[in-house]
Amino acid sequence: MGLASGMKNLTDDLLASFKNRIQENEELSNDVQKTLDGFRKDHQQMTDTLNANAAALRKGLAHGEKERLSTFKALMSSIHGTIASIRKEVVAIQTSTLNMINEFATNRTRMAVELNKSFAQGRAGRMKNEKNRMKEFDALMKNINDDIKSINDEVAAVFKNTNDMLDRFEKEHQDMSDELRAELGKNLAERVEYTRALLNGFHKRLLGIGKENQKMAQKLRKDLANGETERLSDYNGIMKGIHMSIKGIRTDVKNIKSYTGGMLNDLLQNRVDASAEWKKMQDAMDQIRKTGVDTHKVVAKKEVKKVVPAEAKKVVPVEPAMETPVIEEAVFTSFPQEPETLEQKVLDFINMHPGGVKVSEMEEPLKQTRMKLGFIAKELLDEGKVLKVENLFYPKSK
C-alpha cells in the first residue's frame, strides 16, 4: 500500500515536471516567434524605406550612369552585408535551440536509465507490479517522445519559413536592382550637378539607416542573450527539483528495504518462538497421556518492546494488520501569526491538523500548486519536523 502511494506521488511529480517542461518549450517557441515577427516588421520597414528612396531616385535621376552605378554597388554591398548579418543571427538562434533540445533529450534519457535501474532493484514478489509500472512508464516516455517530436517539427517549420523569407527577400532585392539598373540606363546627358547633390543627401541618409540598424541589431542580441540566460536558469531549477525528487525516491526505497528486512527478521523470530512453544505443548500432551500428570510449567515471557529505527519512521508503510502508530494530539487555541516563508506556512498548517493532512488539502488554503507543496513537505519530512503515514502528514510528537 505504501509502495503504491509512493509510486502515485512519483507519477504525479513526473507529470507535473513534464508539464512544466512543455510550458517552458512553448514559451521558448513563443519567444522565437516574437523575434521572427520583429524581424519581419523591421524587414517590411526597410523594404518600404528602400522602395520610397528608389522611387525618389527614379524621379530625380536621368544621367550619370557610371557614378550612379558605383553608388548603387556600394548600396547593394551594404544591403548584402545586412542580409549576411541577419543570416548569422538566425543560424545562432537555430544552433542554440537545437543544443537546448539535445540537452533536454540527453537529460531525459539519463533520468529514464536511472529510474529503470532503481525500479529494477526489488524482490521477486514485486516483479508483477514492476512490469505494470514499467508499462506505464514506457507509455509516459512514448508521450514525451511524441511531444518532443512535435516540438522539433514546429521548430523545423519555423526554420523553413525563415529561410524561405530570406530567399524571397534576396530575390526581391535582385529584381529591384535589375529594374533600377534598367531605369538608370535610359538617360545619359543632363542634370549631373543635381544628381550629385541628391546622391550626397541619399548617402547621408543611408549612413543614418546603417547606424539605426546597428543599434537595433545590438539591442536584439542583448535581448536574446538575456532571454537565453533566464530560460537556462529556469531549466536548471526544474532539473534540480527532478534530481531532488529522484534522490528522495532512492532514500524512501532504501528505508522501505530496511523496514522490510526488520519486519522479516521479526517474523522469522516469531516463527522460531512459535515452533518452540508448539514443541513444548506436544511434550506436555505426551506426558499427560503417559502419567496423567501435567508437569509442564509455562513460563510467561516478558513482552519485549520493539524499537522502530529512526530512519524507518520517515516512510512507515503501515499494513492493515499492523498497529497504527499513536500520534500525540496537539491542541491549538488560536491560529498562528502570518508566517514569513512558504515552508513555515506548510509547517504551521500541518501542526494545526493533528489528525493528518494530505498535500492536495493544502492547495486551496495556501494558494499554491500541489507539486510545490509536495516538495516543501518532503523537505520538512527529511528535516524531521513532521511525520508521514502513507500519504498523510502529521505534526511531530513533542
Protein backbone atom coordinates (compact mmCIF):
# COMPACT_ATOMS: atom_id res chain seq x y z
CA MET A 1 0.00 0.00 0.00
CA GLY A 2 2.83 2.42 0.90
CA LEU A 3 4.73 1.50 -2.27
CA ALA A 4 1.66 2.14 -4.44
CA SER A 5 1.15 5.53 -2.78
CA GLY A 6 4.81 6.41 -3.28
CA MET A 7 4.60 5.38 -6.94
CA LYS A 8 1.48 7.51 -7.39
CA ASN A 9 3.26 10.52 -5.85
CA LEU A 10 6.25 9.87 -8.13
CA THR A 11 3.95 9.71 -11.17
CA ASP A 12 2.28 13.00 -10.16
CA ASP A 13 5.68 14.66 -9.72
CA LEU A 14 6.91 13.38 -13.09
CA LEU A 15 3.73 14.55 -14.84
CA ALA A 16 3.97 17.98 -13.20
CA SER A 17 7.65 18.27 -14.19
CA PHE A 18 6.77 17.19 -17.72
CA LYS A 19 4.00 19.82 -17.91
CA ASN A 20 6.48 22.49 -16.73
CA ARG A 21 8.98 21.43 -19.40
CA ILE A 22 6.26 21.56 -22.08
CA GLN A 23 5.31 25.06 -20.87
CA GLU A 24 8.98 26.13 -21.00
CA ASN A 25 9.27 24.81 -24.56
CA GLU A 26 6.09 26.67 -25.54
CA GLU A 27 7.49 29.88 -24.04
CA LEU A 28 10.73 29.33 -25.97
CA SER A 29 8.76 28.84 -29.22
CA ASN A 30 6.75 31.99 -28.45
CA ASP A 31 9.98 33.98 -27.86
CA VAL A 32 11.43 32.75 -31.16
CA GLN A 33 8.16 33.60 -32.93
CA LYS A 34 8.17 37.12 -31.42
CA THR A 35 11.77 37.60 -32.54
CA LEU A 36 10.87 36.50 -36.07
CA ASP A 37 7.82 38.79 -36.07
CA GLY A 38 10.04 41.71 -35.07
CA PHE A 39 12.45 40.77 -37.83
CA ARG A 40 9.60 40.66 -40.37
CA LYS A 41 8.40 44.08 -39.21
CA ASP A 42 11.91 45.57 -39.50
CA HIS A 43 12.29 43.92 -42.90
CA GLN A 44 8.98 45.44 -44.05
CA GLN A 45 10.03 48.88 -42.78
CA MET A 46 13.40 48.58 -44.53
CA THR A 47 11.66 47.45 -47.73
CA ASP A 48 9.25 50.41 -47.59
CA THR A 49 12.12 52.81 -46.99
CA LEU A 50 14.13 51.38 -49.88
CA ASN A 51 11.09 51.46 -52.17
CA ALA A 52 10.43 55.11 -51.27
CA ASN A 53 14.07 56.02 -51.84
CA ALA A 54 14.14 54.08 -55.11
CA ALA A 55 11.01 55.92 -56.30
CA ALA A 56 12.55 59.28 -55.43
CA LEU A 57 15.77 58.25 -57.13
CA ARG A 58 13.91 57.17 -60.29
CA LYS A 59 12.17 60.57 -60.45
CA GLY A 60 15.34 62.62 -59.93
CA LEU A 61 17.97 60.58 -61.76
CA ALA A 62 18.31 60.66 -65.54
CA HIS A 63 22.03 60.90 -66.28
CA GLY A 64 25.44 59.95 -64.90
CA GLU A 65 25.17 56.18 -65.25
CA LYS A 66 28.77 55.45 -64.30
CA GLU A 67 28.69 57.37 -60.97
CA ARG A 68 25.17 56.21 -60.12
CA LEU A 69 26.13 52.58 -60.76
CA SER A 70 29.14 52.96 -58.46
CA THR A 71 26.91 54.33 -55.67
CA PHE A 72 24.37 51.60 -56.33
CA LYS A 73 27.05 48.91 -55.94
CA ALA A 74 28.02 50.39 -52.58
CA LEU A 75 24.33 50.37 -51.54
CA MET A 76 23.86 46.73 -52.61
CA SER A 77 27.06 45.77 -50.77
CA SER A 78 25.65 47.34 -47.59
CA ILE A 79 22.33 45.53 -48.10
CA HIS A 80 24.08 42.19 -48.67
CA GLY A 81 26.13 42.78 -45.53
CA THR A 82 22.89 43.36 -43.59
CA ILE A 83 21.43 40.15 -45.04
CA ALA A 84 24.57 38.20 -44.07
CA SER A 85 24.35 39.57 -40.51
CA ILE A 86 20.70 38.57 -40.29
CA ARG A 87 21.54 35.06 -41.55
CA LYS A 88 24.22 34.74 -38.87
CA GLU A 89 21.71 35.72 -36.17
CA VAL A 90 19.19 33.16 -37.46
CA VAL A 91 21.87 30.44 -37.56
CA ALA A 92 22.85 31.30 -33.98
CA ILE A 93 19.20 31.01 -32.88
CA GLN A 94 18.89 27.66 -34.69
CA THR A 95 22.08 26.32 -33.11
CA SER A 96 21.05 27.45 -29.60
CA THR A 97 17.58 25.92 -29.95
CA LEU A 98 18.93 22.58 -31.25
CA ASN A 99 21.53 22.44 -28.47
CA MET A 100 18.83 23.04 -25.86
CA ILE A 101 16.62 20.30 -27.35
CA ASN A 102 19.57 17.86 -27.49
CA GLU A 103 20.50 18.62 -23.89
CA PHE A 104 16.88 18.09 -22.81
CA ALA A 105 16.78 14.73 -24.67
CA THR A 106 20.09 13.66 -23.06
CA ASN A 107 18.88 14.53 -19.56
CA ARG A 108 15.58 12.76 -20.17
CA THR A 109 17.42 9.61 -21.36
CA ARG A 110 19.73 9.65 -18.35
CA MET A 111 16.80 10.10 -15.98
CA ALA A 112 14.97 7.19 -17.65
CA VAL A 113 18.05 4.95 -17.25
CA GLU A 114 18.39 5.87 -13.58
CA LEU A 115 14.71 5.22 -12.94
CA ASN A 116 14.93 1.86 -14.72
CA LYS A 117 17.93 0.89 -12.59
CA SER A 118 16.15 1.98 -9.41
CA PHE A 119 12.92 0.17 -10.28
CA ALA A 120 14.84 -2.98 -11.31
CA GLN A 121 16.10 -3.43 -7.72
CA GLY A 122 13.40 -5.36 -5.89
CA ARG A 123 12.36 -8.76 -4.71
CA ALA A 124 10.83 -11.46 -6.90
CA GLY A 125 7.42 -10.95 -5.27
CA ARG A 126 7.17 -7.42 -6.72
CA MET A 127 8.04 -8.37 -10.30
CA LYS A 128 4.43 -8.33 -11.48
CA ASN A 129 3.81 -4.84 -10.11
CA GLU A 130 7.16 -3.75 -11.50
CA LYS A 131 6.13 -4.88 -15.01
CA ASN A 132 2.92 -2.87 -14.75
CA ARG A 133 4.84 0.20 -13.62
CA MET A 134 7.30 -0.25 -16.45
CA LYS A 135 4.42 -0.39 -18.94
CA GLU A 136 3.00 2.83 -17.53
CA PHE A 137 6.44 4.42 -17.59
CA ASP A 138 7.01 3.31 -21.23
CA ALA A 139 3.65 4.82 -22.18
CA LEU A 140 4.62 8.04 -20.41
CA MET A 141 8.00 8.15 -22.17
CA LYS A 142 6.26 7.50 -25.52
CA ASN A 143 4.03 10.53 -24.94
CA ILE A 144 7.10 12.60 -24.03
CA ASN A 145 8.90 11.48 -27.21
CA ASP A 146 5.80 12.29 -29.30
CA ASP A 147 5.63 15.77 -27.78
CA ILE A 148 9.35 16.35 -28.40
CA LYS A 149 8.90 15.20 -32.00
CA SER A 150 6.02 17.64 -32.40
CA ILE A 151 8.17 20.46 -30.98
CA ASN A 152 11.01 19.53 -33.37
CA ASP A 153 8.57 19.63 -36.30
CA GLU A 154 7.35 23.06 -35.24
CA VAL A 155 10.92 24.37 -34.89
CA ALA A 156 11.82 22.90 -38.31
CA ALA A 157 8.77 24.65 -39.79
CA VAL A 158 9.91 27.96 -38.24
CA PHE A 159 13.40 27.48 -39.71
CA LYS A 160 11.94 26.65 -43.13
CA ASN A 161 9.71 29.74 -43.11
CA THR A 162 12.70 31.89 -42.09
CA ASN A 163 14.87 30.54 -44.91
CA ASP A 164 12.05 30.97 -47.43
CA MET A 165 11.52 34.55 -46.29
CA LEU A 166 15.25 35.31 -46.63
CA ASP A 167 15.26 33.79 -50.12
CA ARG A 168 12.28 35.93 -51.12
CA PHE A 169 13.99 39.00 -49.65
CA GLU A 170 17.12 38.35 -51.71
CA LYS A 171 15.08 37.71 -54.88
CA GLU A 172 13.09 40.92 -54.41
CA HIS A 173 16.29 42.89 -53.97
CA GLN A 174 17.74 41.27 -57.07
CA ASP A 175 14.61 42.16 -59.08
CA MET A 176 14.72 45.69 -57.70
CA SER A 177 18.38 46.03 -58.67
CA ASP A 178 17.63 44.81 -62.21
CA GLU A 179 14.75 47.25 -62.52
CA LEU A 180 16.82 50.10 -61.13
CA ARG A 181 19.71 49.26 -63.47
CA ALA A 182 17.31 49.35 -66.44
CA GLU A 183 15.91 52.72 -65.33
CA LEU A 184 19.41 54.17 -64.88
CA GLY A 185 20.38 53.22 -68.45
CA LYS A 186 17.71 55.33 -70.17
CA ASN A 187 19.20 58.85 -69.98
CA LEU A 188 22.91 59.81 -70.01
CA ALA A 189 23.38 63.54 -70.64
CA GLU A 190 21.76 66.09 -68.27
CA ARG A 191 21.32 67.24 -64.64
CA VAL A 192 24.70 65.96 -63.42
CA GLU A 193 25.09 68.55 -60.67
CA TYR A 194 21.59 67.94 -59.39
CA THR A 195 22.26 64.22 -59.33
CA ARG A 196 25.47 64.66 -57.30
CA ALA A 197 23.68 66.79 -54.70
CA LEU A 198 20.86 64.25 -54.48
CA LEU A 199 23.35 61.38 -54.11
CA ASN A 200 25.14 63.19 -51.28
CA GLY A 201 21.87 63.54 -49.38
CA PHE A 202 20.98 59.93 -50.10
CA HIS A 203 24.40 58.79 -48.87
CA LYS A 204 23.91 60.63 -45.57
CA ARG A 205 20.50 59.06 -45.20
CA LEU A 206 21.99 55.61 -45.81
CA LEU A 207 24.61 56.21 -43.13
CA GLY A 208 21.83 57.10 -40.69
CA ILE A 209 19.89 53.97 -41.61
CA GLY A 210 23.05 51.88 -41.14
CA LYS A 211 23.60 53.30 -37.64
CA GLU A 212 19.96 52.66 -36.73
CA ASN A 213 20.26 49.06 -37.99
CA GLN A 214 23.42 48.54 -35.92
CA LYS A 215 21.70 49.83 -32.77
CA MET A 216 18.69 47.62 -33.45
CA ALA A 217 20.94 44.59 -34.01
CA GLN A 218 22.83 45.22 -30.75
CA LYS A 219 19.56 45.56 -28.84
CA LEU A 220 18.26 42.32 -30.41
CA ARG A 221 21.45 40.43 -29.47
CA LYS A 222 21.21 41.74 -25.88
CA ASP A 223 17.53 40.75 -25.57
CA LEU A 224 18.23 37.27 -26.98
CA ALA A 225 21.17 36.76 -24.60
CA ASN A 226 19.10 37.81 -21.56
CA GLY A 227 16.20 35.56 -22.59
CA GLU A 228 18.53 32.60 -23.10
CA THR A 229 20.08 33.13 -19.65
CA GLU A 230 16.67 33.22 -17.96
CA ARG A 231 15.48 30.09 -19.79
CA LEU A 232 18.65 28.20 -18.85
CA SER A 233 18.26 29.30 -15.22
CA ASP A 234 14.61 28.08 -15.13
CA TYR A 235 15.57 24.81 -16.84
CA ASN A 236 18.40 24.19 -14.34
CA GLY A 237 15.95 24.85 -11.48
CA ILE A 238 13.50 22.30 -12.90
CA MET A 239 16.24 19.67 -13.36
CA LYS A 240 17.46 20.33 -9.82
CA GLY A 241 13.95 19.70 -8.50
CA ILE A 242 13.74 16.46 -10.52
CA HIS A 243 17.11 15.29 -9.16
CA MET A 244 15.97 16.09 -5.62
CA SER A 245 12.81 14.04 -6.22
CA ILE A 246 14.87 11.11 -7.51
CA LYS A 247 17.17 11.40 -4.50
CA GLY A 248 14.16 11.34 -2.16
CA ILE A 249 12.76 8.31 -4.00
CA ARG A 250 16.04 6.46 -3.55
CA THR A 251 16.04 7.33 0.16
CA ASP A 252 12.45 6.09 0.51
CA VAL A 253 13.30 2.84 -1.29
CA LYS A 254 16.29 2.35 1.00
CA ASN A 255 14.10 2.94 4.08
CA ILE A 256 11.47 0.52 2.74
CA LYS A 257 14.14 -2.15 2.27
CA SER A 258 15.43 -1.57 5.79
CA TYR A 259 11.96 -1.69 7.31
CA THR A 260 11.01 -4.78 5.29
CA GLY A 261 14.20 -6.56 6.37
CA GLY A 262 13.48 -5.79 10.03
CA MET A 263 9.90 -6.97 9.67
CA LEU A 264 11.03 -10.25 8.03
CA ASN A 265 13.55 -10.82 10.84
CA ASP A 266 10.79 -10.27 13.41
CA LEU A 267 8.51 -12.70 11.57
CA LEU A 268 11.31 -15.30 11.45
CA GLN A 269 11.96 -14.91 15.18
CA ASN A 270 8.23 -15.18 15.92
CA ARG A 271 8.08 -18.35 13.83
CA VAL A 272 11.02 -19.88 15.75
CA ASP A 273 9.39 -18.97 19.11
CA ALA A 274 6.04 -20.41 17.98
CA SER A 275 7.73 -23.63 16.89
CA ALA A 276 9.40 -23.95 20.28
CA GLU A 277 6.11 -23.38 22.11
CA TRP A 278 4.39 -25.95 19.88
CA LYS A 279 7.12 -28.49 20.72
CA LYS A 280 6.66 -27.83 24.45
CA MET A 281 2.92 -28.31 24.11
CA GLN A 282 3.39 -31.68 22.34
CA ASP A 283 5.81 -32.82 25.05
CA ALA A 284 3.30 -31.85 27.76
CA MET A 285 0.49 -33.73 25.99
CA ASP A 286 2.67 -36.84 25.71
CA GLN A 287 3.50 -36.58 29.41
CA ILE A 288 -0.19 -36.33 30.32
CA ARG A 289 -1.01 -39.40 28.19
CA LYS A 290 1.72 -41.42 29.92
CA THR A 291 1.38 -40.38 33.58
CA GLY A 292 -1.85 -38.35 33.74
CA VAL A 293 0.06 -35.56 35.44
CA ASP A 294 0.90 -32.20 33.79
CA THR A 295 4.49 -31.48 34.71
CA HIS A 296 4.87 -28.79 32.10
CA LYS A 297 5.31 -25.35 33.59
CA VAL A 298 4.51 -22.44 31.34
CA VAL A 299 6.78 -19.53 31.96
CA ALA A 300 5.34 -16.27 30.70
CA LYS A 301 7.80 -14.36 28.68
CA LYS A 302 8.18 -10.71 29.19
CA GLU A 303 6.93 -8.77 26.26
CA VAL A 304 9.81 -7.13 24.51
CA LYS A 305 9.02 -3.69 23.21
CA LYS A 306 10.33 -3.36 19.70
CA VAL A 307 12.06 -0.16 18.84
CA VAL A 308 11.49 1.04 15.32
CA PRO A 309 14.65 2.50 13.76
CA ALA A 310 14.64 6.29 13.37
CA GLU A 311 15.19 6.07 9.63
CA ALA A 312 12.11 3.82 9.20
CA LYS A 313 9.87 6.46 10.78
CA LYS A 314 10.19 8.59 7.67
CA VAL A 315 8.35 6.10 5.44
CA VAL A 316 6.32 3.87 7.85
CA PRO A 317 4.50 1.68 5.26
CA VAL A 318 1.61 0.63 7.52
CA GLU A 319 -0.11 -2.66 6.62
CA PRO A 320 -3.78 -3.22 7.52
CA ALA A 321 -2.91 -5.89 10.12
CA MET A 322 -0.24 -3.78 11.78
CA GLU A 323 -0.90 -1.41 14.64
CA THR A 324 -1.22 2.25 13.62
CA PRO A 325 1.29 4.45 15.46
CA VAL A 326 -0.28 6.68 18.09
CA ILE A 327 0.45 10.32 17.46
CA GLU A 328 0.07 12.79 20.27
CA GLU A 329 -2.81 15.17 19.75
CA ALA A 330 -1.82 18.83 19.72
CA VAL A 331 -4.25 21.50 20.92
CA PHE A 332 -4.25 24.95 19.37
CA THR A 333 -6.24 27.77 20.91
CA SER A 334 -5.74 30.18 18.01
CA PHE A 335 -4.21 30.38 14.56
CA PRO A 336 -0.54 31.36 14.40
CA GLN A 337 0.58 34.67 13.02
CA GLU A 338 1.16 35.00 9.28
CA PRO A 339 4.47 33.16 8.60
CA GLU A 340 7.21 34.82 6.63
CA THR A 341 8.05 31.87 4.34
CA LEU A 342 6.03 29.24 2.48
CA GLU A 343 7.92 26.48 4.36
CA GLN A 344 6.74 27.95 7.69
CA LYS A 345 3.16 28.18 6.32
CA VAL A 346 3.20 24.47 5.41
CA LEU A 347 4.66 23.52 8.81
CA ASP A 348 2.02 25.57 10.68
CA PHE A 349 -0.76 24.10 8.55
CA ILE A 350 0.38 20.52 9.35
CA ASN A 351 0.71 21.37 13.05
CA MET A 352 -2.89 22.66 13.02
CA HIS A 353 -4.11 19.23 11.81
CA PRO A 354 -3.03 16.59 14.37
CA GLY A 355 -5.31 14.07 12.65
CA GLY A 356 -3.19 14.20 9.46
CA VAL A 357 -3.49 16.21 6.24
CA LYS A 358 -2.83 15.47 2.54
CA VAL A 359 -0.81 17.67 0.19
CA SER A 360 -3.89 18.16 -2.00
CA GLU A 361 -5.77 19.59 1.01
CA MET A 362 -3.18 22.39 1.33
CA GLU A 363 -3.65 23.77 -2.21
CA GLU A 364 -6.78 25.87 -1.63
CA PRO A 365 -5.88 27.34 1.83
CA LEU A 366 -2.25 28.15 0.92
CA LYS A 367 -2.95 29.14 -2.73
CA GLN A 368 0.00 27.09 -4.07
CA THR A 369 0.43 24.22 -6.54
CA ARG A 370 0.46 20.60 -5.35
CA MET A 371 3.95 19.97 -6.75
CA LYS A 372 5.49 22.92 -4.86
CA LEU A 373 3.74 22.00 -1.61
CA GLY A 374 4.84 18.35 -2.05
CA PHE A 375 8.50 19.38 -2.35
CA ILE A 376 8.30 21.55 0.78
CA ALA A 377 6.50 18.81 2.77
CA LYS A 378 9.19 16.31 1.67
CA GLU A 379 11.92 18.69 2.89
CA LEU A 380 10.16 19.08 6.26
CA LEU A 381 9.94 15.27 6.49
CA ASP A 382 13.67 14.90 5.72
CA GLU A 383 14.49 17.53 8.35
CA GLY A 384 12.47 15.59 10.93
CA LYS A 385 9.95 18.39 11.57
CA VAL A 386 6.87 16.32 10.61
CA LEU A 387 5.81 12.65 10.35
CA LYS A 388 4.27 10.81 7.39
CA VAL A 389 1.98 7.77 7.41
CA GLU A 390 1.14 6.65 3.85
CA ASN A 391 0.05 9.90 2.13
CA LEU A 392 -0.86 11.85 5.32
CA PHE A 393 1.47 14.31 7.08
CA TYR A 394 1.27 14.60 10.89
CA PRO A 395 2.85 17.08 13.31
CA LYS A 396 5.85 15.66 15.10
CA SER A 397 5.16 14.48 18.68
CA LYS A 398 6.73 16.58 21.36
